[in-house]
Amino acid sequence: MAVSLGGGCSFADCIRIAKKRGELFVSAGIAGDGMFAVRTASKAIYDSISGAFQVSAVNSPFDLTLTGDARRVAERLKEIKSRDGKNSIAWKQLKVSGGFHSSKLRPFAQQLVDFSKEKLHGKMRHTIISTIDGRMHAEAADYPSLLGTQLYSPVLFRQAVEAAILNAGCTEFVELGPRPVLIRFVESVVRSAPK
């Protein structure tokens, strides 16, 4: 969506890319996997979670999203909570159709790259800070490979917000959507960002 708003492709092509990505999700067989929103103020727990699970999103200094076998991930999170205390970690399983941003999707990445190359072109009207690599991009041609990487790599929301603050000088953030989900992550990143 951001690349369309930035002028790198039409809205119709953005929808076609999203549809292709959805088809690849189905092909990958990720329906049995789950995703879990995890919050902890403990750097040690945060770091151990990052190393022990497949991270599908880095949302803030305190928030991660994990993906993987739903039963195994839930059991492991319960063990951590039991070991480190009930206030050490909070988590909930997300209501999604599968485990997105998973290594299971890596074999399908090139298909999305090839499909997207036909749709993304030229210089964008606006520079976009990507949640795929946390960097600023002004060329639509950057996005096919980024979208391929996004299939199997974590969303780097925290890094994108930090880049918006440090590299683009952003001081205000607006969330567009049916309900506020990301704004609390932005607030955490803003409070902890280097000044």
Protein backbone atom coordinates (compact mmCIF):
# COMPACT_ATOMS: atom_id res chain seq x y z
CA MET A 1 0.00 0.00 0.00
CA ALA A 2 2.76 2.47 0.92
CA VAL A 3 4.50 2.05 -2.44
CA SER A 4 1.19 2.82 -4.19
CA LEU A 5 0.65 5.94 -2.07
CA GLY A 6 4.25 6.91 -2.83
CA GLY A 7 3.52 6.73 -6.56
CA GLY A 8 5.49 3.57 -7.38
CA CYS A 9 2.48 1.72 -8.80
CA SER A 10 -1.23 2.09 -9.30
CA PHE A 11 -3.64 1.13 -6.54
CA ALA A 12 -4.96 -1.64 -8.81
CA ASP A 13 -1.44 -3.07 -9.20
CA CYS A 14 -0.96 -2.82 -5.43
CA ILE A 15 -4.07 -4.99 -5.01
CA ARG A 16 -2.77 -7.45 -7.63
CA ILE A 17 0.53 -7.76 -5.71
CA ALA A 18 -1.35 -8.32 -2.44
CA LYS A 19 -3.49 -10.99 -4.12
CA LYS A 20 -0.39 -12.76 -5.46
CA ARG A 21 1.17 -12.65 -2.00
CA GLY A 22 -2.00 -14.20 -0.55
CA GLU A 23 -1.86 -16.98 -3.14
CA LEU A 24 1.74 -17.69 -2.16
CA PHE A 25 0.72 -17.86 1.53
CA VAL A 26 -1.78 -20.57 0.62
CA SER A 27 0.80 -22.43 -1.48
CA ALA A 28 3.27 -22.42 1.41
CA GLY A 29 0.91 -24.30 3.72
CA ILE A 30 1.27 -21.93 6.67
CA ALA A 31 -2.34 -22.42 7.80
CA GLY A 32 -1.34 -24.65 10.74
CA ASP A 33 1.04 -22.07 12.14
CA GLY A 34 0.12 -19.27 14.50
CA MET A 35 1.28 -15.79 15.37
CA PHE A 36 1.73 -14.42 18.86
CA ALA A 37 2.03 -10.83 20.08
CA VAL A 38 4.55 -10.78 22.92
CA ARG A 39 5.37 -7.93 25.32
CA THR A 40 8.08 -7.84 27.96
CA ALA A 41 9.98 -5.07 29.72
CA SER A 42 12.87 -7.46 30.43
CA LYS A 43 15.73 -7.09 27.95
CA ALA A 44 16.98 -10.58 28.89
CA ILE A 45 13.60 -12.17 28.11
CA TYR A 46 13.24 -10.07 24.94
CA ASP A 47 16.67 -11.22 23.75
CA SER A 48 16.03 -14.87 24.67
CA ILE A 49 12.68 -14.82 22.84
CA SER A 50 14.33 -13.27 19.79
CA GLY A 51 16.85 -16.11 19.70
CA ALA A 52 14.50 -19.00 20.49
CA PHE A 53 11.58 -18.31 18.15
CA GLN A 54 11.03 -17.18 14.62
CA VAL A 55 10.35 -13.47 14.96
CA SER A 56 7.86 -12.20 12.39
CA ALA A 57 7.81 -8.56 13.56
CA VAL A 58 9.94 -6.26 15.70
CA ASN A 59 7.34 -3.73 16.81
CA SER A 60 8.98 -1.77 19.65
CA PRO A 61 11.71 -2.18 22.27
CA PHE A 62 9.18 -4.25 24.26
CA ASP A 63 7.03 -5.92 21.60
CA LEU A 64 7.66 -8.77 19.20
CA THR A 65 5.42 -10.91 17.05
CA LEU A 66 6.37 -14.57 16.76
CA THR A 67 5.36 -17.17 14.20
CA GLY A 68 5.52 -20.94 14.20
CA ASP A 69 3.72 -24.08 15.26
CA ALA A 70 0.93 -22.64 17.40
CA ARG A 71 0.95 -25.38 20.03
CA ARG A 72 4.74 -25.38 20.51
CA VAL A 73 5.05 -21.60 20.65
CA ALA A 74 2.23 -21.35 23.22
CA GLU A 75 3.79 -24.07 25.39
CA ARG A 76 7.19 -22.35 25.33
CA LEU A 77 5.71 -18.95 26.20
CA LYS A 78 3.85 -20.53 29.13
CA GLU A 79 7.14 -22.04 30.35
CA ILE A 80 8.85 -18.63 30.22
CA LYS A 81 5.99 -17.00 32.12
CA SER A 82 6.02 -19.77 34.73
CA ARG A 83 9.80 -19.59 35.14
CA ASP A 84 10.17 -15.81 35.20
CA GLY A 85 6.94 -14.77 36.91
CA LYS A 86 3.48 -13.82 35.76
CA ASN A 87 4.41 -10.15 35.18
CA SER A 88 7.57 -10.94 33.20
CA ILE A 89 5.84 -11.49 29.88
CA ALA A 90 2.44 -10.97 28.34
CA TRP A 91 1.32 -12.65 25.15
CA LYS A 92 -1.70 -13.50 23.12
CA GLN A 93 -2.29 -15.58 20.04
CA LEU A 94 -3.38 -13.43 17.13
CA LYS A 95 -6.47 -14.25 15.08
CA VAL A 96 -4.81 -14.83 11.72
CA SER A 97 -5.13 -17.49 9.06
CA GLY A 98 -1.49 -18.60 9.29
CA GLY A 99 2.07 -17.82 10.33
CA PHE A 100 3.13 -14.96 8.09
CA HIS A 101 6.71 -13.69 7.62
CA SER A 102 7.88 -17.27 8.05
CA SER A 103 10.91 -19.11 6.67
CA LYS A 104 8.39 -21.51 5.11
CA LEU A 105 7.69 -18.75 2.58
CA ARG A 106 11.30 -18.33 1.43
CA PRO A 107 10.95 -20.77 -1.54
CA PHE A 108 8.11 -18.58 -2.89
CA ALA A 109 9.92 -15.23 -2.67
CA GLN A 110 11.26 -15.16 -6.23
CA GLN A 111 7.75 -15.64 -7.62
CA LEU A 112 6.64 -12.46 -5.84
CA VAL A 113 9.76 -10.60 -7.00
CA ASP A 114 9.15 -11.57 -10.63
CA PHE A 115 5.43 -10.73 -10.44
CA SER A 116 6.09 -7.35 -8.76
CA LYS A 117 8.74 -6.26 -11.28
CA GLU A 118 6.02 -5.83 -13.89
CA LYS A 119 4.00 -3.58 -11.59
CA LEU A 120 6.55 -1.37 -9.81
CA HIS A 121 8.39 1.24 -11.82
CA GLY A 122 10.01 4.64 -11.83
CA LYS A 123 10.75 7.25 -9.26
CA MET A 124 8.15 7.61 -6.56
CA ARG A 125 6.53 10.96 -5.75
CA HIS A 126 7.29 10.41 -2.06
CA THR A 127 10.12 8.67 -0.27
CA ILE A 128 8.89 5.66 1.69
CA ILE A 129 10.48 4.26 4.84
CA SER A 130 10.24 0.53 4.47
CA THR A 131 9.28 -1.83 7.30
CA ILE A 132 11.14 -4.50 5.36
CA ASP A 133 14.61 -3.05 5.93
CA GLY A 134 13.98 0.07 8.04
CA ARG A 135 15.45 2.34 5.35
CA MET A 136 14.27 5.14 3.08
CA HIS A 137 13.48 4.32 -0.57
CA ALA A 138 12.64 6.71 -3.40
CA GLU A 139 12.71 4.23 -6.31
CA ALA A 140 9.88 1.82 -6.99
CA ALA A 141 12.47 -0.54 -8.52
CA ASP A 142 13.73 -1.23 -4.96
CA TYR A 143 10.45 -2.85 -4.00
CA PRO A 144 10.25 -6.16 -5.90
CA SER A 145 13.23 -7.60 -4.01
CA LEU A 146 12.02 -6.01 -0.76
CA LEU A 147 8.59 -7.61 -1.17
CA GLY A 148 10.21 -10.98 -1.82
CA THR A 149 12.28 -10.60 1.34
CA GLN A 150 9.20 -9.53 3.29
CA LEU A 151 7.53 -12.89 2.70
CA TYR A 152 9.98 -14.71 4.99
CA SER A 153 11.58 -11.95 7.07
CA PRO A 154 10.38 -10.01 10.11
CA VAL A 155 8.55 -6.72 9.73
CA LEU A 156 10.95 -4.11 11.10
CA PHE A 157 8.36 -1.65 12.35
CA ARG A 158 10.56 -0.39 15.20
CA GLN A 159 13.46 0.30 12.83
CA ALA A 160 11.17 2.08 10.37
CA VAL A 161 9.82 4.37 13.09
CA GLU A 162 13.36 5.06 14.31
CA ALA A 163 14.38 5.93 10.73
CA ALA A 164 11.38 8.25 10.45
CA ILE A 165 12.50 10.06 13.59
CA LEU A 166 16.27 10.09 13.06
CA ASN A 167 16.60 10.27 9.26
CA ALA A 168 13.41 12.00 8.13
CA GLY A 169 12.85 14.24 11.16
CA CYS A 170 9.30 13.05 11.77
CA THR A 171 7.75 14.29 14.98
CA GLU A 172 4.11 13.34 14.47
CA PHE A 173 2.61 9.98 13.52
CA VAL A 174 -0.93 9.25 12.40
CA GLU A 175 -2.39 5.75 12.29
CA LEU A 176 -4.99 5.07 9.61
CA GLY A 177 -7.21 2.07 10.23
CA PRO A 178 -10.39 0.82 11.83
CA ARG A 179 -8.88 0.72 15.32
CA PRO A 180 -5.59 1.79 16.92
CA VAL A 181 -3.06 -1.04 16.85
CA LEU A 182 0.32 0.43 15.97
CA ILE A 183 0.23 3.74 17.84
CA ARG A 184 1.30 2.20 21.16
CA PHE A 185 4.32 0.70 19.39
CA VAL A 186 5.15 4.11 17.92
CA GLU A 187 4.88 5.70 21.38
CA SER A 188 7.30 3.10 22.82
CA VAL A 189 9.77 3.66 20.01
CA VAL A 190 9.54 7.45 20.33
CA ARG A 191 10.24 7.26 24.09
CA SER A 192 13.27 5.02 23.60
CA ALA A 193 14.71 6.47 20.37
CA PRO A 194 18.14 8.10 20.55
CA LYS A 195 17.82 11.85 20.70
